[in-house]
Amino acid sequence: MKHAFLTTAAAALMAIGTHTSAETLKMSHVRPQDTTIDTELRAFAAAVSDATGGDLSVKLFPASALGDYTTVQERISVGAIDMATQPAATAADRRMQISSFPYLAGNWEQARAVYGPGGAVREVMAELYAEQEITMLAAYPVYFGGISLNVENPAAGSVEPNGIKVRVPGIKSFQLTGEALGYIPAPIPFSEAFTAVQTGVVDGVIGSGAEGYYASFRDVTKTYIPANTHFEVWYMIISNESLAGLSDEDQSALIEQAQAFEATRWDVAEADQQRSEQRLVDELGATVISLSDAELAAMAAKVRSDVWPAVLEDVGADWGRAILDKVAAAAE
């Protein structure tokens, strides 16, 4: 009887030990529940759990529940938050502006060469994150950026001044791009942007794309201009401390599933952008302006001429030019 009791107790202790060895990583992202990124990250979390036999789980915190993306990146760097999938926070390092450099890629094929595995921007972003004690696990291509307006713009394809005031992120490249395209840029925090458009403080927004405008500005988007202002890519990142705390097997499984997550996203991102643009029309009644190749080329040329030199000075001219040269070489 005593032997049976000891055997049962030992089994119970082993079960407790197995349970307590399971790890849970907290993952922040910037979109609400049930948006595309939230759905895809839930699939990623399930894949991680399956690959590790339940030893590792990823708990999602949508809609910036753990703080805005700048704060989250800072907290990841010190190990206070485990993971995130979000834009790069340029406040931590101005060189991270290279990720949202305007008109760096002109189409999806070029974007994959620049931001995908082995791409020049992808590689340098991994290095910049590493300097902050952060490991980049994957890139997440989102969309080509555009312009959302609560008013009409009869000259949507022109780069001449139009008197339309737009909210831009507090990032130099976006501010200068808005001005180069003929708008009056107004740096406003994202948390205040919707109200600013709704109350007429500004007439629209630059800095996102169709998916972002549908998610966050659907009630104030009457006109959408797919100007390809920049290529929006987010990064799946993890604190070096959190990663090091995992077993070798769980680390390998997490990295493998992150790579699969990214590969799947590259396969569906372009079609997803097209669906988001159509949703603006079908569900909101917005007008999507079709720009000609000549108009897009003129916008790109104006921004590259007016904006690139200023942003290069901000990130470090020699450093930034070396990356742009690699991007140009890859496009040849």
Protein backbone atom coordinates (compact mmCIF):
# COMPACT_ATOMS: atom_id res chain seq x y z
CA MET A 1 0.00 0.00 0.00
CA LYS A 2 2.83 2.33 0.93
CA HIS A 3 4.61 1.49 -2.31
CA ALA A 4 1.49 2.28 -4.32
CA PHE A 5 1.11 5.63 -2.55
CA LEU A 6 4.71 6.59 -3.27
CA THR A 7 4.33 5.58 -6.90
CA THR A 8 1.18 7.69 -7.24
CA ALA A 9 2.82 10.66 -5.51
CA ALA A 10 5.87 10.43 -7.77
CA ALA A 11 3.65 10.36 -10.84
CA ALA A 12 1.79 13.42 -9.60
CA LEU A 13 5.03 15.30 -9.00
CA MET A 14 6.23 14.39 -12.48
CA ALA A 15 2.98 15.69 -13.95
CA ILE A 16 3.31 18.93 -12.01
CA GLY A 17 6.89 19.28 -13.17
CA THR A 18 5.86 18.73 -16.78
CA HIS A 19 3.08 21.29 -16.49
CA THR A 20 5.27 23.96 -14.93
CA SER A 21 7.97 23.49 -17.59
CA ALA A 22 5.59 24.75 -20.28
CA GLU A 23 6.44 28.27 -21.48
CA THR A 24 4.05 31.03 -22.51
CA LEU A 25 5.29 33.95 -24.61
CA LYS A 26 3.29 37.19 -24.71
CA MET A 27 2.92 38.55 -28.25
CA SER A 28 1.74 42.11 -28.95
CA HIS A 29 0.34 43.31 -32.25
CA VAL A 30 -1.26 46.54 -33.43
CA ARG A 31 -4.56 45.50 -35.02
CA PRO A 32 -7.92 44.61 -33.40
CA GLN A 33 -9.11 41.05 -32.90
CA ASP A 34 -10.25 39.14 -35.99
CA THR A 35 -8.32 41.33 -38.43
CA THR A 36 -6.03 39.61 -40.93
CA ILE A 37 -2.88 39.80 -38.82
CA ASP A 38 -4.74 38.61 -35.72
CA THR A 39 -6.12 35.59 -37.57
CA GLU A 40 -2.73 34.74 -39.06
CA LEU A 41 -0.96 35.09 -35.72
CA ARG A 42 -3.51 32.79 -34.09
CA ALA A 43 -2.66 30.20 -36.73
CA PHE A 44 1.03 30.75 -36.01
CA ALA A 45 0.46 30.29 -32.27
CA ALA A 46 -1.40 27.04 -32.90
CA ALA A 47 1.43 25.82 -35.13
CA VAL A 48 4.00 26.60 -32.42
CA SER A 49 1.99 24.72 -29.83
CA ASP A 50 1.65 21.71 -32.14
CA ALA A 51 5.33 21.73 -33.08
CA THR A 52 6.41 21.75 -29.43
CA GLY A 53 3.85 19.26 -28.17
CA GLY A 54 2.28 21.98 -26.05
CA ASP A 55 5.56 22.88 -24.32
CA LEU A 56 5.47 26.39 -25.81
CA SER A 57 2.46 28.63 -26.30
CA VAL A 58 2.10 32.13 -27.70
CA LYS A 59 -0.55 34.35 -26.10
CA LEU A 60 -1.72 37.23 -28.28
CA PHE A 61 -2.45 40.76 -27.10
CA PRO A 62 -4.17 42.55 -30.02
CA ALA A 63 -4.88 46.24 -30.52
CA SER A 64 -1.71 47.41 -28.78
CA ALA A 65 -3.05 46.17 -25.45
CA LEU A 66 0.49 46.10 -24.05
CA GLY A 67 1.28 49.62 -25.24
CA ASP A 68 1.92 51.43 -28.53
CA TYR A 69 4.50 49.83 -30.78
CA THR A 70 7.31 52.19 -29.74
CA THR A 71 6.80 51.37 -26.07
CA VAL A 72 6.47 47.67 -26.84
CA GLN A 73 9.76 47.61 -28.75
CA GLU A 74 11.51 49.32 -25.85
CA ARG A 75 10.06 46.79 -23.41
CA ILE A 76 11.04 43.87 -25.61
CA SER A 77 14.62 45.13 -25.68
CA VAL A 78 14.81 44.85 -21.89
CA GLY A 79 12.87 41.58 -21.66
CA ALA A 80 9.71 43.05 -20.12
CA ILE A 81 7.60 41.82 -23.07
CA ASP A 82 8.44 38.66 -24.98
CA MET A 83 7.34 39.21 -28.57
CA ALA A 84 5.57 41.45 -31.05
CA THR A 85 4.62 41.65 -34.70
CA GLN A 86 4.56 45.34 -35.56
CA PRO A 87 6.22 48.22 -37.42
CA ALA A 88 9.77 49.15 -36.52
CA ALA A 89 9.94 51.96 -33.95
CA THR A 90 12.21 54.62 -35.40
CA ALA A 91 12.32 56.48 -32.07
CA ALA A 92 14.65 53.75 -30.82
CA ASP A 93 17.03 54.17 -33.75
CA ARG A 94 16.54 56.67 -36.58
CA ARG A 95 18.25 54.28 -38.99
CA MET A 96 15.15 52.09 -38.79
CA GLN A 97 13.53 54.61 -41.15
CA ILE A 98 15.20 52.59 -43.90
CA SER A 99 12.37 50.07 -43.50
CA SER A 100 9.72 52.59 -44.58
CA PHE A 101 11.88 54.46 -47.09
CA PRO A 102 9.44 55.96 -49.62
CA TYR A 103 9.24 54.48 -53.10
CA LEU A 104 12.02 51.99 -52.42
CA ALA A 105 10.14 49.19 -54.18
CA GLY A 106 7.79 49.64 -57.11
CA ASN A 107 6.02 46.29 -57.20
CA TRP A 108 5.59 43.08 -55.21
CA GLU A 109 8.46 41.29 -56.90
CA GLN A 110 10.84 44.10 -56.00
CA ALA A 111 9.44 44.25 -52.48
CA ARG A 112 10.18 40.58 -51.90
CA ALA A 113 13.74 41.06 -53.16
CA VAL A 114 14.26 43.99 -50.78
CA TYR A 115 12.36 42.92 -47.67
CA GLY A 116 12.20 39.14 -48.01
CA PRO A 117 14.83 36.59 -46.94
CA GLY A 118 18.27 37.74 -48.05
CA GLY A 119 16.99 41.22 -48.98
CA ALA A 120 19.16 44.26 -48.25
CA VAL A 121 16.66 45.99 -45.97
CA ARG A 122 15.69 42.74 -44.28
CA GLU A 123 19.34 42.02 -43.39
CA VAL A 124 20.11 45.47 -42.05
CA MET A 125 16.91 45.57 -39.98
CA ALA A 126 17.92 42.31 -38.31
CA GLU A 127 21.24 43.93 -37.43
CA LEU A 128 19.56 47.04 -36.00
CA TYR A 129 17.23 44.93 -33.87
CA ALA A 130 20.20 42.88 -32.65
CA GLU A 131 21.81 46.07 -31.34
CA GLN A 132 18.71 46.46 -29.12
CA GLU A 133 18.94 42.89 -27.74
CA ILE A 134 16.10 41.81 -30.02
CA THR A 135 15.98 38.93 -32.50
CA MET A 136 13.99 39.30 -35.71
CA LEU A 137 12.14 36.05 -36.41
CA ALA A 138 10.26 37.05 -39.56
CA ALA A 139 9.20 39.88 -41.80
CA TYR A 140 5.48 40.41 -42.38
CA PRO A 141 4.66 42.14 -45.68
CA VAL A 142 1.49 44.16 -45.26
CA TYR A 143 0.80 46.40 -48.29
CA PHE A 144 1.93 49.26 -50.46
CA GLY A 145 0.89 52.50 -48.79
CA GLY A 146 -1.66 54.99 -50.06
CA ILE A 147 -3.57 58.12 -49.14
CA SER A 148 -6.94 58.15 -47.36
CA LEU A 149 -9.03 61.31 -47.64
CA ASN A 150 -12.31 62.44 -46.15
CA VAL A 151 -12.65 64.82 -49.10
CA GLU A 152 -12.28 64.58 -52.87
CA ASN A 153 -9.00 65.30 -54.64
CA PRO A 154 -9.71 66.12 -58.30
CA ALA A 155 -5.97 66.10 -59.04
CA ALA A 156 -5.11 62.86 -57.21
CA GLY A 157 -2.35 61.96 -59.66
CA SER A 158 -0.61 65.33 -59.47
CA VAL A 159 2.33 66.33 -57.27
CA GLU A 160 1.42 70.02 -57.37
CA PRO A 161 0.29 71.68 -54.10
CA ASN A 162 -3.38 70.90 -53.47
CA GLY A 163 -4.10 72.56 -50.12
CA ILE A 164 -5.24 69.28 -48.55
CA LYS A 165 -3.99 68.76 -45.00
CA VAL A 166 -3.17 65.20 -43.96
CA ARG A 167 -2.06 63.47 -40.81
CA VAL A 168 1.33 61.80 -41.11
CA PRO A 169 3.27 59.75 -38.55
CA GLY A 170 5.95 61.59 -36.61
CA ILE A 171 8.60 60.14 -38.93
CA LYS A 172 10.62 62.42 -41.17
CA SER A 173 10.25 60.30 -44.30
CA PHE A 174 6.45 60.40 -44.13
CA GLN A 175 6.34 64.13 -43.42
CA LEU A 176 8.56 64.95 -46.37
CA THR A 177 6.75 62.51 -48.65
CA GLY A 178 3.40 64.12 -47.91
CA GLU A 179 4.82 67.52 -48.77
CA ALA A 180 6.50 66.26 -51.96
CA LEU A 181 3.19 64.83 -53.17
CA GLY A 182 1.49 68.21 -52.76
CA TYR A 183 -0.17 67.81 -49.36
CA ILE A 184 0.18 69.78 -46.14
CA PRO A 185 1.58 67.27 -43.62
CA ALA A 186 0.58 67.43 -39.96
CA PRO A 187 2.40 65.05 -37.58
CA ILE A 188 -0.27 63.72 -35.22
CA PRO A 189 -0.07 60.69 -32.88
CA PHE A 190 -1.96 57.68 -34.19
CA SER A 191 -4.21 57.67 -31.12
CA GLU A 192 -5.49 61.13 -32.09
CA ALA A 193 -5.56 60.68 -35.87
CA PHE A 194 -9.13 59.45 -36.32
CA THR A 195 -10.59 62.29 -34.27
CA ALA A 196 -8.44 64.77 -36.17
CA VAL A 197 -9.95 63.63 -39.48
CA GLN A 198 -13.46 63.33 -38.07
CA THR A 199 -13.41 66.89 -36.71
CA GLY A 200 -11.79 68.40 -39.77
CA VAL A 201 -8.45 69.26 -38.18
CA VAL A 202 -7.00 67.37 -41.15
CA ASP A 203 -8.61 66.11 -44.33
CA GLY A 204 -7.04 62.68 -44.43
CA VAL A 205 -4.13 60.41 -43.62
CA ILE A 206 -0.82 59.34 -45.16
CA GLY A 207 1.19 56.52 -43.64
CA SER A 208 -0.95 53.42 -44.01
CA GLY A 209 -2.62 51.37 -46.76
CA ALA A 210 -6.06 50.08 -47.64
CA GLU A 211 -6.07 47.43 -44.89
CA GLY A 212 -5.00 49.93 -42.25
CA TYR A 213 -7.50 52.54 -43.34
CA TYR A 214 -10.30 50.01 -43.34
CA ALA A 215 -9.32 48.83 -39.87
CA SER A 216 -8.86 52.25 -38.26
CA PHE A 217 -10.34 54.98 -40.52
CA ARG A 218 -13.28 53.30 -42.21
CA ASP A 219 -15.79 55.99 -41.19
CA VAL A 220 -13.69 58.86 -42.54
CA THR A 221 -12.38 57.39 -45.79
CA LYS A 222 -14.27 58.75 -48.79
CA THR A 223 -11.37 58.67 -51.23
CA TYR A 224 -8.47 56.24 -51.41
CA ILE A 225 -5.45 56.89 -53.60
CA PRO A 226 -3.17 53.84 -54.02
CA ALA A 227 -0.05 55.94 -54.55
CA ASN A 228 2.42 53.22 -53.44
CA THR A 229 4.00 55.76 -51.08
CA HIS A 230 6.01 53.12 -49.25
CA PHE A 231 6.07 49.39 -48.68
CA GLU A 232 4.67 48.55 -45.27
CA VAL A 233 6.43 45.66 -43.61
CA TRP A 234 6.15 44.63 -39.98
CA TYR A 235 8.55 42.42 -38.11
CA MET A 236 8.02 39.50 -35.77
CA ILE A 237 10.52 40.14 -33.01
CA ILE A 238 11.43 38.49 -29.73
CA SER A 239 13.49 39.57 -26.75
CA ASN A 240 16.90 37.91 -26.72
CA GLU A 241 16.27 37.13 -23.07
CA SER A 242 12.97 35.38 -23.82
CA LEU A 243 14.48 33.43 -26.69
CA ALA A 244 17.46 32.32 -24.62
CA GLY A 245 15.11 31.11 -21.91
CA LEU A 246 13.65 28.45 -24.21
CA SER A 247 15.04 24.97 -24.68
CA ASP A 248 17.04 24.36 -27.85
CA GLU A 249 14.17 22.28 -29.23
CA ASP A 250 11.59 24.99 -28.57
CA GLN A 251 13.86 27.66 -30.02
CA SER A 252 14.24 25.66 -33.22
CA ALA A 253 10.50 25.03 -33.45
CA LEU A 254 9.68 28.71 -32.90
CA ILE A 255 12.14 29.83 -35.57
CA GLU A 256 10.91 27.22 -38.03
CA GLN A 257 7.28 28.21 -37.56
CA ALA A 258 8.15 31.91 -37.89
CA GLN A 259 9.82 31.20 -41.23
CA ALA A 260 6.75 29.25 -42.39
CA PHE A 261 4.51 32.12 -41.19
CA GLU A 262 6.47 34.59 -43.31
CA ALA A 263 6.58 32.36 -46.40
CA THR A 264 2.81 31.95 -46.30
CA ARG A 265 2.30 35.69 -45.95
CA TRP A 266 4.42 36.53 -48.99
CA ASP A 267 2.21 34.18 -51.01
CA VAL A 268 -1.05 35.91 -50.04
CA ALA A 269 -0.13 39.54 -49.30
CA GLU A 270 -0.69 41.01 -52.77
CA ALA A 271 -4.15 39.44 -53.12
CA ASP A 272 -4.94 40.57 -49.57
CA GLN A 273 -4.13 44.17 -50.52
CA GLN A 274 -6.48 43.97 -53.49
CA ARG A 275 -9.27 42.61 -51.29
CA SER A 276 -8.78 45.44 -48.81
CA GLU A 277 -9.04 48.05 -51.56
CA GLN A 278 -12.23 46.43 -52.82
CA ARG A 279 -13.69 46.42 -49.30
CA LEU A 280 -13.32 50.19 -49.20
CA VAL A 281 -15.53 50.35 -52.27
CA ASP A 282 -18.04 47.61 -51.49
CA GLU A 283 -18.56 48.21 -47.78
CA LEU A 284 -17.82 51.91 -47.34
CA GLY A 285 -18.75 53.33 -50.71
CA ALA A 286 -15.36 54.97 -51.00
CA THR A 287 -13.88 55.97 -54.32
CA VAL A 288 -10.58 54.29 -55.18
CA ILE A 289 -8.65 56.43 -57.64
CA SER A 290 -6.86 54.53 -60.38
CA LEU A 291 -3.46 56.11 -61.07
CA SER A 292 -1.64 55.60 -64.35
CA ASP A 293 1.88 54.19 -64.54
CA ALA A 294 3.05 57.64 -65.64
CA GLU A 295 1.46 59.31 -62.59
CA LEU A 296 3.01 56.75 -60.22
CA ALA A 297 6.39 57.18 -61.91
CA ALA A 298 6.16 60.97 -61.50
CA MET A 299 5.32 60.62 -57.81
CA ALA A 300 8.23 58.25 -57.27
CA ALA A 301 10.63 60.54 -59.12
CA LYS A 302 9.54 63.61 -57.13
CA VAL A 303 9.91 61.84 -53.78
CA ARG A 304 13.26 60.29 -54.67
CA SER A 305 14.53 63.70 -55.74
CA ASP A 306 13.13 65.76 -52.84
CA VAL A 307 12.90 63.32 -49.97
CA TRP A 308 15.66 60.75 -50.27
CA PRO A 309 18.57 63.18 -49.71
CA ALA A 310 16.99 64.58 -46.54
CA VAL A 311 16.16 61.17 -45.09
CA LEU A 312 19.64 59.90 -45.96
CA GLU A 313 21.12 62.73 -43.94
CA ASP A 314 18.86 61.78 -41.05
CA VAL A 315 19.87 58.11 -41.04
CA GLY A 316 23.50 58.68 -42.03
CA ALA A 317 24.25 59.41 -45.68
CA ASP A 318 27.05 56.88 -46.20
CA TRP A 319 25.26 54.15 -44.28
CA GLY A 320 21.95 54.70 -46.06
CA ARG A 321 23.47 55.08 -49.52
CA ALA A 322 25.26 51.74 -49.18
CA ILE A 323 21.90 50.05 -48.56
CA LEU A 324 20.22 51.85 -51.45
CA ASP A 325 23.05 50.73 -53.72
CA LYS A 326 22.40 47.12 -52.69
CA VAL A 327 18.71 47.57 -53.39
CA ALA A 328 19.46 49.01 -56.82
CA ALA A 329 21.83 46.16 -57.62
CA ALA A 330 19.20 43.59 -56.67
CA ALA A 331 16.70 45.25 -59.00
CA GLU A 332 18.98 44.98 -62.03
